[in-house]
Amino acid sequence: MELLEDGVIAALSAIGLTAVIWVIAGLILHPRRRGTMETIAVIPACGAAEKLEHTVRALTRSRYEEGGFTRIVILDCGLDDEAQKVAQLLCRRNYDVSVCRKEEFLQILE
């Protein structure tokens, strides 16, 4: 019984050590980039915008992993009511995600 307990402890220790080495290697090989210029990812959306949520989530993940841009703007090019609700929910849930109309977009750039 003692041999089994020692084997389980050794296996868990090996798995834990492997996980720690994996995390450290990931931090060294793929560090987050900070201090980039202010850049904006613009998503022109119109109609039902079926892929809007997926696009925003992919850009948010990319922003977190790569740090290439600071804000995400959903450009309303005629969204229907349901897509407007989805866009507003995405703005509430995610940091630095906003919705604007074409007319307001130039003001955001300033």
PDB file of N, CA and C in Angstrom:
ATOM      1  N   MET A   1       0.823  -1.193   0.000  1.00  0.00           N
ATOM      2  CA  MET A   1       0.000   0.000   0.000  1.00  0.00           C
ATOM      3  C   MET A   1       0.870   1.260   0.000  1.00  0.00           C
ATOM      4  N   GLU A   2       1.944   1.192   0.758  1.00  0.00           N
ATOM      5  CA  GLU A   2       2.855   2.338   0.828  1.00  0.00           C
ATOM      6  C   GLU A   2       3.517   2.594  -0.525  1.00  0.00           C
ATOM      7  N   LEU A   3       3.818   1.526  -1.227  1.00  0.00           N
ATOM      8  CA  LEU A   3       4.417   1.654  -2.554  1.00  0.00           C
ATOM      9  C   LEU A   3       3.458   2.351  -3.521  1.00  0.00           C
ATOM     10  N   LEU A   4       2.168   2.035  -3.441  1.00  0.00           N
ATOM     11  CA  LEU A   4       1.159   2.671  -4.290  1.00  0.00           C
ATOM     12  C   LEU A   4       1.049   4.158  -3.969  1.00  0.00           C
ATOM     13  N   GLU A   5       1.034   4.492  -2.684  1.00  0.00           N
ATOM     14  CA  GLU A   5       0.964   5.905  -2.281  1.00  0.00           C
ATOM     15  C   GLU A   5       2.183   6.676  -2.781  1.00  0.00           C
ATOM     16  N   ASP A   6       3.358   6.068  -2.660  1.00  0.00           N
ATOM     17  CA  ASP A   6       4.574   6.729  -3.146  1.00  0.00           C
ATOM     18  C   ASP A   6       4.534   6.915  -4.660  1.00  0.00           C
ATOM     19  N   GLY A   7       3.989   5.941  -5.371  1.00  0.00           N
ATOM     20  CA  GLY A   7       3.870   6.055  -6.830  1.00  0.00           C
ATOM     21  C   GLY A   7       2.916   7.158  -7.242  1.00  0.00           C
ATOM     22  N   VAL A   8       1.786   7.276  -6.547  1.00  0.00           N
ATOM     23  CA  VAL A   8       0.816   8.337  -6.845  1.00  0.00           C
ATOM     24  C   VAL A   8       1.420   9.700  -6.556  1.00  0.00           C
ATOM     25  N   ILE A   9       2.103   9.836  -5.444  1.00  0.00           N
ATOM     26  CA  ILE A   9       2.742  11.119  -5.100  1.00  0.00           C
ATOM     27  C   ILE A   9       3.807  11.476  -6.128  1.00  0.00           C
ATOM     28  N   ALA A  10       4.591  10.497  -6.558  1.00  0.00           N
ATOM     29  CA  ALA A  10       5.621  10.758  -7.566  1.00  0.00           C
ATOM     30  C   ALA A  10       4.994  11.182  -8.893  1.00  0.00           C
ATOM     31  N   ALA A  11       3.895  10.526  -9.284  1.00  0.00           N
ATOM     32  CA  ALA A  11       3.225  10.881 -10.538  1.00  0.00           C
ATOM     33  C   ALA A  11       2.656  12.288 -10.465  1.00  0.00           C
ATOM     34  N   LEU A  12       1.998  12.631  -9.372  1.00  0.00           N
ATOM     35  CA  LEU A  12       1.444  13.986  -9.223  1.00  0.00           C
ATOM     36  C   LEU A  12       2.545  15.036  -9.181  1.00  0.00           C
ATOM     37  N   SER A  13       3.653  14.714  -8.555  1.00  0.00           N
ATOM     38  CA  SER A  13       4.790  15.648  -8.513  1.00  0.00           C
ATOM     39  C   SER A  13       5.346  15.877  -9.916  1.00  0.00           C
ATOM     40  N   ALA A  14       5.454  14.810 -10.694  1.00  0.00           N
ATOM     41  CA  ALA A  14       5.963  14.952 -12.061  1.00  0.00           C
ATOM     42  C   ALA A  14       5.024  15.790 -12.917  1.00  0.00           C
ATOM     43  N   ILE A  15       3.724  15.565 -12.772  1.00  0.00           N
ATOM     44  CA  ILE A  15       2.740  16.350 -13.528  1.00  0.00           C
ATOM     45  C   ILE A  15       2.805  17.811 -13.116  1.00  0.00           C
ATOM     46  N   GLY A  16       2.894  18.076 -11.821  1.00  0.00           N
ATOM     47  CA  GLY A  16       2.982  19.456 -11.334  1.00  0.00           C
ATOM     48  C   GLY A  16       4.237  20.150 -11.820  1.00  0.00           C
ATOM     49  N   LEU A  17       5.354  19.466 -11.775  1.00  0.00           N
ATOM     50  CA  LEU A  17       6.613  20.056 -12.246  1.00  0.00           C
ATOM     51  C   LEU A  17       6.554  20.341 -13.739  1.00  0.00           C
ATOM     52  N   THR A  18       5.960  19.431 -14.493  1.00  0.00           N
ATOM     53  CA  THR A  18       5.805  19.647 -15.935  1.00  0.00           C
ATOM     54  C   THR A  18       4.926  20.867 -16.211  1.00  0.00           C
ATOM     55  N   ALA A  19       3.856  21.025 -15.451  1.00  0.00           N
ATOM     56  CA  ALA A  19       2.967  22.182 -15.634  1.00  0.00           C
ATOM     57  C   ALA A  19       3.691  23.480 -15.309  1.00  0.00           C
ATOM     58  N   VAL A  20       4.468  23.504 -14.266  1.00  0.00           N
ATOM     59  CA  VAL A  20       5.224  24.716 -13.899  1.00  0.00           C
ATOM     60  C   VAL A  20       6.241  25.061 -14.975  1.00  0.00           C
ATOM     61  N   ILE A  21       6.957  24.070 -15.473  1.00  0.00           N
ATOM     62  CA  ILE A  21       7.938  24.312 -16.548  1.00  0.00           C
ATOM     63  C   ILE A  21       7.232  24.813 -17.801  1.00  0.00           C
ATOM     64  N   TRP A  22       6.064  24.255 -18.124  1.00  0.00           N
ATOM     65  CA  TRP A  22       5.295  24.673 -19.310  1.00  0.00           C
ATOM     66  C   TRP A  22       4.890  26.144 -19.198  1.00  0.00           C
ATOM     67  N   VAL A  23       4.409  26.557 -18.028  1.00  0.00           N
ATOM     68  CA  VAL A  23       3.987  27.945 -17.829  1.00  0.00           C
ATOM     69  C   VAL A  23       5.178  28.889 -17.924  1.00  0.00           C
ATOM     70  N   ILE A  24       6.287  28.547 -17.304  1.00  0.00           N
ATOM     71  CA  ILE A  24       7.476  29.405 -17.347  1.00  0.00           C
ATOM     72  C   ILE A  24       8.004  29.510 -18.776  1.00  0.00           C
ATOM     73  N   ALA A  25       8.038  28.393 -19.495  1.00  0.00           N
ATOM     74  CA  ALA A  25       8.494  28.432 -20.895  1.00  0.00           C
ATOM     75  C   ALA A  25       7.566  29.298 -21.746  1.00  0.00           C
ATOM     76  N   GLY A  26       6.258  29.210 -21.494  1.00  0.00           N
ATOM     77  CA  GLY A  26       5.318  30.049 -22.236  1.00  0.00           C
ATOM     78  C   GLY A  26       5.526  31.522 -21.964  1.00  0.00           C
ATOM     79  N   LEU A  27       5.800  31.878 -20.733  1.00  0.00           N
ATOM     80  CA  LEU A  27       6.046  33.283 -20.396  1.00  0.00           C
ATOM     81  C   LEU A  27       7.340  33.798 -21.016  1.00  0.00           C
ATOM     82  N   ILE A  28       8.340  32.946 -21.084  1.00  0.00           N
ATOM     83  CA  ILE A  28       9.622  33.364 -21.658  1.00  0.00           C
ATOM     84  C   ILE A  28       9.535  33.460 -23.179  1.00  0.00           C
ATOM     85  N   LEU A  29       8.927  32.467 -23.801  1.00  0.00           N
ATOM     86  CA  LEU A  29       8.883  32.420 -25.264  1.00  0.00           C
ATOM     87  C   LEU A  29       7.816  33.317 -25.878  1.00  0.00           C
ATOM     88  N   HIS A  30       6.728  33.573 -25.158  1.00  0.00           N
ATOM     89  CA  HIS A  30       5.640  34.391 -25.680  1.00  0.00           C
ATOM     90  C   HIS A  30       5.219  35.443 -24.659  1.00  0.00           C
ATOM     91  N   PRO A  31       6.071  36.410 -24.391  1.00  0.00           N
ATOM     92  CA  PRO A  31       5.669  37.424 -23.403  1.00  0.00           C
ATOM     93  C   PRO A  31       4.592  38.338 -23.971  1.00  0.00           C
ATOM     94  N   ARG A  32       3.756  38.891 -23.078  1.00  0.00           N
ATOM     95  CA  ARG A  32       2.746  39.854 -23.515  1.00  0.00           C
ATOM     96  C   ARG A  32       3.445  41.139 -23.878  1.00  0.00           C
ATOM     97  N   ARG A  33       3.044  41.719 -24.970  1.00  0.00           N
ATOM     98  CA  ARG A  33       3.634  42.980 -25.416  1.00  0.00           C
ATOM     99  C   ARG A  33       2.870  44.127 -24.792  1.00  0.00           C
ATOM    100  N   ARG A  34       3.580  45.004 -24.173  1.00  0.00           N
ATOM    101  CA  ARG A  34       2.957  46.165 -23.543  1.00  0.00           C
ATOM    102  C   ARG A  34       3.601  47.425 -24.112  1.00  0.00           C
ATOM    103  N   GLY A  35       2.918  48.523 -23.932  1.00  0.00           N
ATOM    104  CA  GLY A  35       3.479  49.791 -24.372  1.00  0.00           C
ATOM    105  C   GLY A  35       3.343  50.054 -25.853  1.00  0.00           C
ATOM    106  N   THR A  36       2.358  49.449 -26.496  1.00  0.00           N
ATOM    107  CA  THR A  36       2.158  49.707 -27.918  1.00  0.00           C
ATOM    108  C   THR A  36       1.393  51.017 -28.092  1.00  0.00           C
ATOM    109  N   MET A  37       1.432  51.546 -29.283  1.00  0.00           N
ATOM    110  CA  MET A  37       0.684  52.765 -29.583  1.00  0.00           C
ATOM    111  C   MET A  37      -0.802  52.471 -29.495  1.00  0.00           C
ATOM    112  N   GLU A  38      -1.588  53.523 -29.276  1.00  0.00           N
ATOM    113  CA  GLU A  38      -3.047  53.353 -29.232  1.00  0.00           C
ATOM    114  C   GLU A  38      -3.543  53.006 -30.629  1.00  0.00           C
ATOM    115  N   THR A  39      -4.077  51.807 -30.763  1.00  0.00           N
ATOM    116  CA  THR A  39      -4.643  51.358 -32.032  1.00  0.00           C
ATOM    117  C   THR A  39      -6.063  50.863 -31.787  1.00  0.00           C
ATOM    118  N   ILE A  40      -6.871  50.904 -32.828  1.00  0.00           N
ATOM    119  CA  ILE A  40      -8.279  50.534 -32.714  1.00  0.00           C
ATOM    120  C   ILE A  40      -8.591  49.460 -33.751  1.00  0.00           C
ATOM    121  N   ALA A  41      -9.251  48.394 -33.297  1.00  0.00           N
ATOM    122  CA  ALA A  41      -9.763  47.377 -34.214  1.00  0.00           C
ATOM    123  C   ALA A  41     -11.214  47.740 -34.515  1.00  0.00           C
ATOM    124  N   VAL A  42     -11.539  47.926 -35.796  1.00  0.00           N
ATOM    125  CA  VAL A  42     -12.879  48.344 -36.204  1.00  0.00           C
ATOM    126  C   VAL A  42     -13.590  47.162 -36.860  1.00  0.00           C
ATOM    127  N   ILE A  43     -14.807  46.890 -36.382  1.00  0.00           N
ATOM    128  CA  ILE A  43     -15.628  45.819 -36.946  1.00  0.00           C
ATOM    129  C   ILE A  43     -16.844  46.461 -37.601  1.00  0.00           C
ATOM    130  N   PRO A  44     -16.876  46.590 -38.933  1.00  0.00           N
ATOM    131  CA  PRO A  44     -18.083  47.111 -39.583  1.00  0.00           C
ATOM    132  C   PRO A  44     -19.169  46.036 -39.557  1.00  0.00           C
ATOM    133  N   ALA A  45     -20.310  46.360 -38.955  1.00  0.00           N
ATOM    134  CA  ALA A  45     -21.391  45.379 -38.804  1.00  0.00           C
ATOM    135  C   ALA A  45     -22.685  45.945 -39.368  1.00  0.00           C
ATOM    136  N   CYS A  46     -23.387  45.130 -40.140  1.00  0.00           N
ATOM    137  CA  CYS A  46     -24.669  45.553 -40.683  1.00  0.00           C
ATOM    138  C   CYS A  46     -25.634  44.367 -40.703  1.00  0.00           C
ATOM    139  N   GLY A  47     -26.914  44.673 -40.751  1.00  0.00           N
ATOM    140  CA  GLY A  47     -27.937  43.633 -40.792  1.00  0.00           C
ATOM    141  C   GLY A  47     -27.998  42.836 -39.507  1.00  0.00           C
ATOM    142  N   ALA A  48     -28.069  41.520 -39.632  1.00  0.00           N
ATOM    143  CA  ALA A  48     -28.178  40.648 -38.458  1.00  0.00           C
ATOM    144  C   ALA A  48     -26.835  40.418 -37.779  1.00  0.00           C
ATOM    145  N   ALA A  49     -25.743  40.595 -38.498  1.00  0.00           N
ATOM    146  CA  ALA A  49     -24.381  40.445 -37.969  1.00  0.00           C
ATOM    147  C   ALA A  49     -24.244  39.143 -37.187  1.00  0.00           C
ATOM    148  N   GLU A  50     -24.435  38.023 -37.870  1.00  0.00           N
ATOM    149  CA  GLU A  50     -24.431  36.714 -37.227  1.00  0.00           C
ATOM    150  C   GLU A  50     -23.113  36.394 -36.531  1.00  0.00           C
ATOM    151  N   LYS A  51     -22.012  36.859 -37.066  1.00  0.00           N
ATOM    152  CA  LYS A  51     -20.697  36.502 -36.522  1.00  0.00           C
ATOM    153  C   LYS A  51     -20.100  37.599 -35.637  1.00  0.00           C
ATOM    154  N   LEU A  52     -20.911  38.563 -35.221  1.00  0.00           N
ATOM    155  CA  LEU A  52     -20.404  39.697 -34.442  1.00  0.00           C
ATOM    156  C   LEU A  52     -19.815  39.246 -33.108  1.00  0.00           C
ATOM    157  N   GLU A  53     -20.553  38.432 -32.375  1.00  0.00           N
ATOM    158  CA  GLU A  53     -20.073  38.007 -31.056  1.00  0.00           C
ATOM    159  C   GLU A  53     -18.784  37.198 -31.183  1.00  0.00           C
ATOM    160  N   HIS A  54     -18.735  36.301 -32.145  1.00  0.00           N
ATOM    161  CA  HIS A  54     -17.525  35.502 -32.347  1.00  0.00           C
ATOM    162  C   HIS A  54     -16.333  36.394 -32.703  1.00  0.00           C
ATOM    163  N   THR A  55     -16.557  37.368 -33.555  1.00  0.00           N
ATOM    164  CA  THR A  55     -15.478  38.265 -33.969  1.00  0.00           C
ATOM    165  C   THR A  55     -14.955  39.076 -32.788  1.00  0.00           C
ATOM    166  N   VAL A  56     -15.854  39.620 -31.979  1.00  0.00           N
ATOM    167  CA  VAL A  56     -15.432  40.410 -30.822  1.00  0.00           C
ATOM    168  C   VAL A  56     -14.664  39.547 -29.834  1.00  0.00           C
ATOM    169  N   ARG A  57     -15.141  38.340 -29.597  1.00  0.00           N
ATOM    170  CA  ARG A  57     -14.438  37.455 -28.659  1.00  0.00           C
ATOM    171  C   ARG A  57     -13.061  37.059 -29.185  1.00  0.00           C
ATOM    172  N   ALA A  58     -12.944  36.811 -30.483  1.00  0.00           N
ATOM    173  CA  ALA A  58     -11.652  36.463 -31.068  1.00  0.00           C
ATOM    174  C   ALA A  58     -10.682  37.638 -30.979  1.00  0.00           C
ATOM    175  N   LEU A  59     -11.178  38.845 -31.239  1.00  0.00           N
ATOM    176  CA  LEU A  59     -10.321  40.023 -31.133  1.00  0.00           C
ATOM    177  C   LEU A  59      -9.915  40.297 -29.686  1.00  0.00           C
ATOM    178  N   THR A  60     -10.830  40.070 -28.749  1.00  0.00           N
ATOM    179  CA  THR A  60     -10.503  40.253 -27.337  1.00  0.00           C
ATOM    180  C   THR A  60      -9.420  39.274 -26.915  1.00  0.00           C
ATOM    181  N   ARG A  61      -9.548  38.028 -27.342  1.00  0.00           N
ATOM    182  CA  ARG A  61      -8.534  37.022 -27.031  1.00  0.00           C
ATOM    183  C   ARG A  61      -7.195  37.394 -27.662  1.00  0.00           C
ATOM    184  N   SER A  62      -7.231  37.841 -28.903  1.00  0.00           N
ATOM    185  CA  SER A  62      -6.007  38.257 -29.583  1.00  0.00           C
ATOM    186  C   SER A  62      -5.364  39.448 -28.885  1.00  0.00           C
ATOM    187  N   ARG A  63      -6.196  40.395 -28.441  1.00  0.00           N
ATOM    188  CA  ARG A  63      -5.671  41.561 -27.727  1.00  0.00           C
ATOM    189  C   ARG A  63      -4.993  41.137 -26.436  1.00  0.00           C
ATOM    190  N   TYR A  64      -5.584  40.193 -25.736  1.00  0.00           N
ATOM    191  CA  TYR A  64      -4.999  39.728 -24.488  1.00  0.00           C
ATOM    192  C   TYR A  64      -3.683  38.990 -24.726  1.00  0.00           C
ATOM    193  N   GLU A  65      -3.657  38.114 -25.739  1.00  0.00           N
ATOM    194  CA  GLU A  65      -2.478  37.301 -25.991  1.00  0.00           C
ATOM    195  C   GLU A  65      -1.351  38.082 -26.655  1.00  0.00           C
ATOM    196  N   GLU A  66      -1.677  38.917 -27.635  1.00  0.00           N
ATOM    197  CA  GLU A  66      -0.658  39.598 -28.417  1.00  0.00           C
ATOM    198  C   GLU A  66      -0.468  41.065 -28.042  1.00  0.00           C
ATOM    199  N   GLY A  67      -1.518  41.702 -27.544  1.00  0.00           N
ATOM    200  CA  GLY A  67      -1.398  43.104 -27.163  1.00  0.00           C
ATOM    201  C   GLY A  67      -1.245  44.050 -28.337  1.00  0.00           C
ATOM    202  N   GLY A  68      -1.802  43.725 -29.492  1.00  0.00           N
ATOM    203  CA  GLY A  68      -1.601  44.529 -30.690  1.00  0.00           C
ATOM    204  C   GLY A  68      -2.441  45.788 -30.780  1.00  0.00           C
ATOM    205  N   PHE A  69      -3.564  45.861 -30.081  1.00  0.00           N
ATOM    206  CA  PHE A  69      -4.422  47.037 -30.147  1.00  0.00           C
ATOM    207  C   PHE A  69      -5.065  47.258 -28.794  1.00  0.00           C
ATOM    208  N   THR A  70      -5.577  48.462 -28.597  1.00  0.00           N
ATOM    209  CA  THR A  70      -6.093  48.814 -27.275  1.00  0.00           C
ATOM    210  C   THR A  70      -7.614  48.838 -27.199  1.00  0.00           C
ATOM    211  N   ARG A  71      -8.303  49.124 -28.299  1.00  0.00           N
ATOM    212  CA  ARG A  71      -9.765  49.243 -28.277  1.00  0.00           C
ATOM    213  C   ARG A  71     -10.383  48.481 -29.428  1.00  0.00           C
ATOM    214  N   ILE A  72     -11.630  48.074 -29.214  1.00  0.00           N
ATOM    215  CA  ILE A  72     -12.427  47.436 -30.259  1.00  0.00           C
ATOM    216  C   ILE A  72     -13.670  48.288 -30.460  1.00  0.00           C
ATOM    217  N   VAL A  73     -13.920  48.690 -31.711  1.00  0.00           N
ATOM    218  CA  VAL A  73     -15.080  49.517 -32.031  1.00  0.00           C
ATOM    219  C   VAL A  73     -15.961  48.750 -33.011  1.00  0.00           C
ATOM    220  N   ILE A  74     -17.224  48.588 -32.646  1.00  0.00           N
ATOM    221  CA  ILE A  74     -18.215  47.991 -33.540  1.00  0.00           C
ATOM    222  C   ILE A  74     -18.866  49.137 -34.295  1.00  0.00           C
ATOM    223  N   LEU A  75     -18.624  49.219 -35.587  1.00  0.00           N
ATOM    224  CA  LEU A  75     -19.142  50.293 -36.418  1.00  0.00           C
ATOM    225  C   LEU A  75     -20.521  49.894 -36.932  1.00  0.00           C
ATOM    226  N   ASP A  76     -21.543  50.594 -36.475  1.00  0.00           N
ATOM    227  CA  ASP A  76     -22.937  50.293 -36.823  1.00  0.00           C
ATOM    228  C   ASP A  76     -23.230  50.815 -38.225  1.00  0.00           C
ATOM    229  N   CYS A  77     -23.309  49.891 -39.164  1.00  0.00           N
ATOM    230  CA  CYS A  77     -23.633  50.229 -40.546  1.00  0.00           C
ATOM    231  C   CYS A  77     -25.049  49.769 -40.882  1.00  0.00           C
ATOM    232  N   GLY A  78     -25.954  49.874 -39.917  1.00  0.00           N
ATOM    233  CA  GLY A  78     -27.338  49.466 -40.122  1.00  0.00           C
ATOM    234  C   GLY A  78     -27.665  48.136 -39.464  1.00  0.00           C
ATOM    235  N   LEU A  79     -27.333  47.986 -38.207  1.00  0.00           N
ATOM    236  CA  LEU A  79     -27.660  46.757 -37.472  1.00  0.00           C
ATOM    237  C   LEU A  79     -29.157  46.695 -37.196  1.00  0.00           C
ATOM    238  N   ASP A  80     -29.729  45.486 -37.242  1.00  0.00           N
ATOM    239  CA  ASP A  80     -31.134  45.353 -36.864  1.00  0.00           C
ATOM    240  C   ASP A  80     -31.252  45.348 -35.336  1.00  0.00           C
ATOM    241  N   ASP A  81     -32.473  45.285 -34.823  1.00  0.00           N
ATOM    242  CA  ASP A  81     -32.706  45.433 -33.385  1.00  0.00           C
ATOM    243  C   ASP A  81     -32.021  44.350 -32.563  1.00  0.00           C
ATOM    244  N   GLU A  82     -32.110  43.112 -33.000  1.00  0.00           N
ATOM    245  CA  GLU A  82     -31.499  42.005 -32.250  1.00  0.00           C
ATOM    246  C   GLU A  82     -29.975  42.135 -32.236  1.00  0.00           C
ATOM    247  N   ALA A  83     -29.392  42.505 -33.360  1.00  0.00           N
ATOM    248  CA  ALA A  83     -27.947  42.683 -33.423  1.00  0.00           C
ATOM    249  C   ALA A  83     -27.509  43.876 -32.570  1.00  0.00           C
ATOM    250  N   GLN A  84     -28.342  44.908 -32.492  1.00  0.00           N
ATOM    251  CA  GLN A  84     -28.042  46.051 -31.608  1.00  0.00           C
ATOM    252  C   GLN A  84     -27.964  45.599 -30.158  1.00  0.00           C
ATOM    253  N   LYS A  85     -28.896  44.750 -29.745  1.00  0.00           N
ATOM    254  CA  LYS A  85     -28.885  44.243 -28.366  1.00  0.00           C
ATOM    255  C   LYS A  85     -27.626  43.435 -28.091  1.00  0.00           C
ATOM    256  N   VAL A  86     -27.241  42.599 -29.055  1.00  0.00           N
ATOM    257  CA  VAL A  86     -26.018  41.802 -28.893  1.00  0.00           C
ATOM    258  C   VAL A  86     -24.809  42.717 -28.778  1.00  0.00           C
ATOM    259  N   ALA A  87     -24.750  43.737 -29.608  1.00  0.00           N
ATOM    260  CA  ALA A  87     -23.623  44.673 -29.565  1.00  0.00           C
ATOM    261  C   ALA A  87     -23.560  45.406 -28.227  1.00  0.00           C
ATOM    262  N   GLN A  88     -24.707  45.824 -27.716  1.00  0.00           N
ATOM    263  CA  GLN A  88     -24.727  46.510 -26.418  1.00  0.00           C
ATOM    264  C   GLN A  88     -24.290  45.568 -25.294  1.00  0.00           C
ATOM    265  N   LEU A  89     -24.702  44.312 -25.358  1.00  0.00           N
ATOM    266  CA  LEU A  89     -24.268  43.337 -24.353  1.00  0.00           C
ATOM    267  C   LEU A  89     -22.763  43.107 -24.412  1.00  0.00           C
ATOM    268  N   LEU A  90     -22.224  43.049 -25.624  1.00  0.00           N
ATOM    269  CA  LEU A  90     -20.776  42.879 -25.760  1.00  0.00           C
ATOM    270  C   LEU A  90     -20.021  44.066 -25.177  1.00  0.00           C
ATOM    271  N   CYS A  91     -20.595  45.246 -25.305  1.00  0.00           N
ATOM    272  CA  CYS A  91     -19.952  46.441 -24.748  1.00  0.00           C
ATOM    273  C   CYS A  91     -19.965  46.406 -23.226  1.00  0.00           C
ATOM    274  N   ARG A  92     -21.021  45.899 -22.646  1.00  0.00           N
ATOM    275  CA  ARG A  92     -21.111  45.831 -21.182  1.00  0.00           C
ATOM    276  C   ARG A  92     -20.189  44.772 -20.615  1.00  0.00           C
ATOM    277  N   ARG A  93     -20.007  43.687 -21.351  1.00  0.00           N
ATOM    278  CA  ARG A  93     -19.241  42.562 -20.831  1.00  0.00           C
ATOM    279  C   ARG A  93     -17.740  42.725 -21.033  1.00  0.00           C
ATOM    280  N   ASN A  94     -17.317  43.411 -22.061  1.00  0.00           N
ATOM    281  CA  ASN A  94     -15.900  43.492 -22.379  1.00  0.00           C
ATOM    282  C   ASN A  94     -15.348  44.890 -22.140  1.00  0.00           C
ATOM    283  N   TYR A  95     -14.138  44.944 -21.706  1.00  0.00           N
ATOM    284  CA  TYR A  95     -13.459  46.205 -21.459  1.00  0.00           C
ATOM    285  C   TYR A  95     -12.971  46.801 -22.778  1.00  0.00           C
ATOM    286  N   ASP A  96     -13.206  48.075 -22.955  1.00  0.00           N
ATOM    287  CA  ASP A  96     -12.785  48.819 -24.151  1.00  0.00           C
ATOM    288  C   ASP A  96     -13.401  48.296 -25.446  1.00  0.00           C
ATOM    289  N   VAL A  97     -14.662  47.919 -25.390  1.00  0.00           N
ATOM    290  CA  VAL A  97     -15.440  47.596 -26.588  1.00  0.00           C
ATOM    291  C   VAL A  97     -16.574  48.605 -26.644  1.00  0.00           C
ATOM    292  N   SER A  98     -16.746  49.261 -27.798  1.00  0.00           N
ATOM    293  CA  SER A  98     -17.798  50.264 -27.914  1.00  0.00           C
ATOM    294  C   SER A  98     -18.495  50.135 -29.264  1.00  0.00           C
ATOM    295  N   VAL A  99     -19.713  50.670 -29.311  1.00  0.00           N
ATOM    296  CA  VAL A  99     -20.503  50.693 -30.542  1.00  0.00           C
ATOM    297  C   VAL A  99     -20.681  52.146 -30.944  1.00  0.00           C
ATOM    298  N   CYS A 100     -20.527  52.424 -32.219  1.00  0.00           N
ATOM    299  CA  CYS A 100     -20.787  53.786 -32.688  1.00  0.00           C
ATOM    300  C   CYS A 100     -21.310  53.739 -34.116  1.00  0.00           C
ATOM    301  N   ARG A 101     -21.973  54.811 -34.490  1.00  0.00           N
ATOM    302  CA  ARG A 101     -22.454  54.954 -35.868  1.00  0.00           C
ATOM    303  C   ARG A 101     -21.329  55.542 -36.717  1.00  0.00           C
ATOM    304  N   LYS A 102     -21.540  55.516 -38.024  1.00  0.00           N
ATOM    305  CA  LYS A 102     -20.515  56.046 -38.923  1.00  0.00           C
ATOM    306  C   LYS A 102     -20.192  57.502 -38.609  1.00  0.00           C
ATOM    307  N   GLU A 103     -21.230  58.275 -38.254  1.00  0.00           N
ATOM    308  CA  GLU A 103     -21.037  59.700 -37.996  1.00  0.00           C
ATOM    309  C   GLU A 103     -20.174  59.928 -36.746  1.00  0.00           C
ATOM    310  N   GLU A 104     -20.331  59.057 -35.756  1.00  0.00           N
ATOM    311  CA  GLU A 104     -19.599  59.207 -34.501  1.00  0.00           C
ATOM    312  C   GLU A 104     -18.171  58.682 -34.586  1.00  0.00           C
ATOM    313  N   PHE A 105     -17.881  57.904 -35.603  1.00  0.00           N
ATOM    314  CA  PHE A 105     -16.579  57.249 -35.688  1.00  0.00           C
ATOM    315  C   PHE A 105     -15.435  58.247 -35.791  1.00  0.00           C
ATOM    316  N   LEU A 106     -15.608  59.307 -36.534  1.00  0.00           N
ATOM    317  CA  LEU A 106     -14.547  60.306 -36.658  1.00  0.00           C
ATOM    318  C   LEU A 106     -14.243  60.972 -35.329  1.00  0.00           C
ATOM    319  N   GLN A 107     -15.243  61.127 -34.478  1.00  0.00           N
ATOM    320  CA  GLN A 107     -15.010  61.721 -33.160  1.00  0.00           C
ATOM    321  C   GLN A 107     -14.194  60.799 -32.278  1.00  0.00           C
ATOM    322  N   ILE A 108     -14.354  59.510 -32.413  1.00  0.00           N
ATOM    323  CA  ILE A 108     -13.591  58.558 -31.618  1.00  0.00           C
ATOM    324  C   ILE A 108     -12.118  58.616 -31.998  1.00  0.00           C
ATOM    325  N   LEU A 109     -11.861  58.844 -33.275  1.00  0.00           N
ATOM    326  CA  LEU A 109     -10.473  58.878 -33.735  1.00  0.00           C
ATOM    327  C   LEU A 109      -9.698  60.056 -33.178  1.00  0.00           C
ATOM    328  N   GLU A 110     -10.391  61.091 -32.792  1.00  0.00           N
ATOM    329  CA  GLU A 110      -9.691  62.292 -32.319  1.00  0.00           C
ATOM    330  C   GLU A 110      -9.238  62.179 -30.916  1.00  0.00           C
TER     331      GLU A 110
END
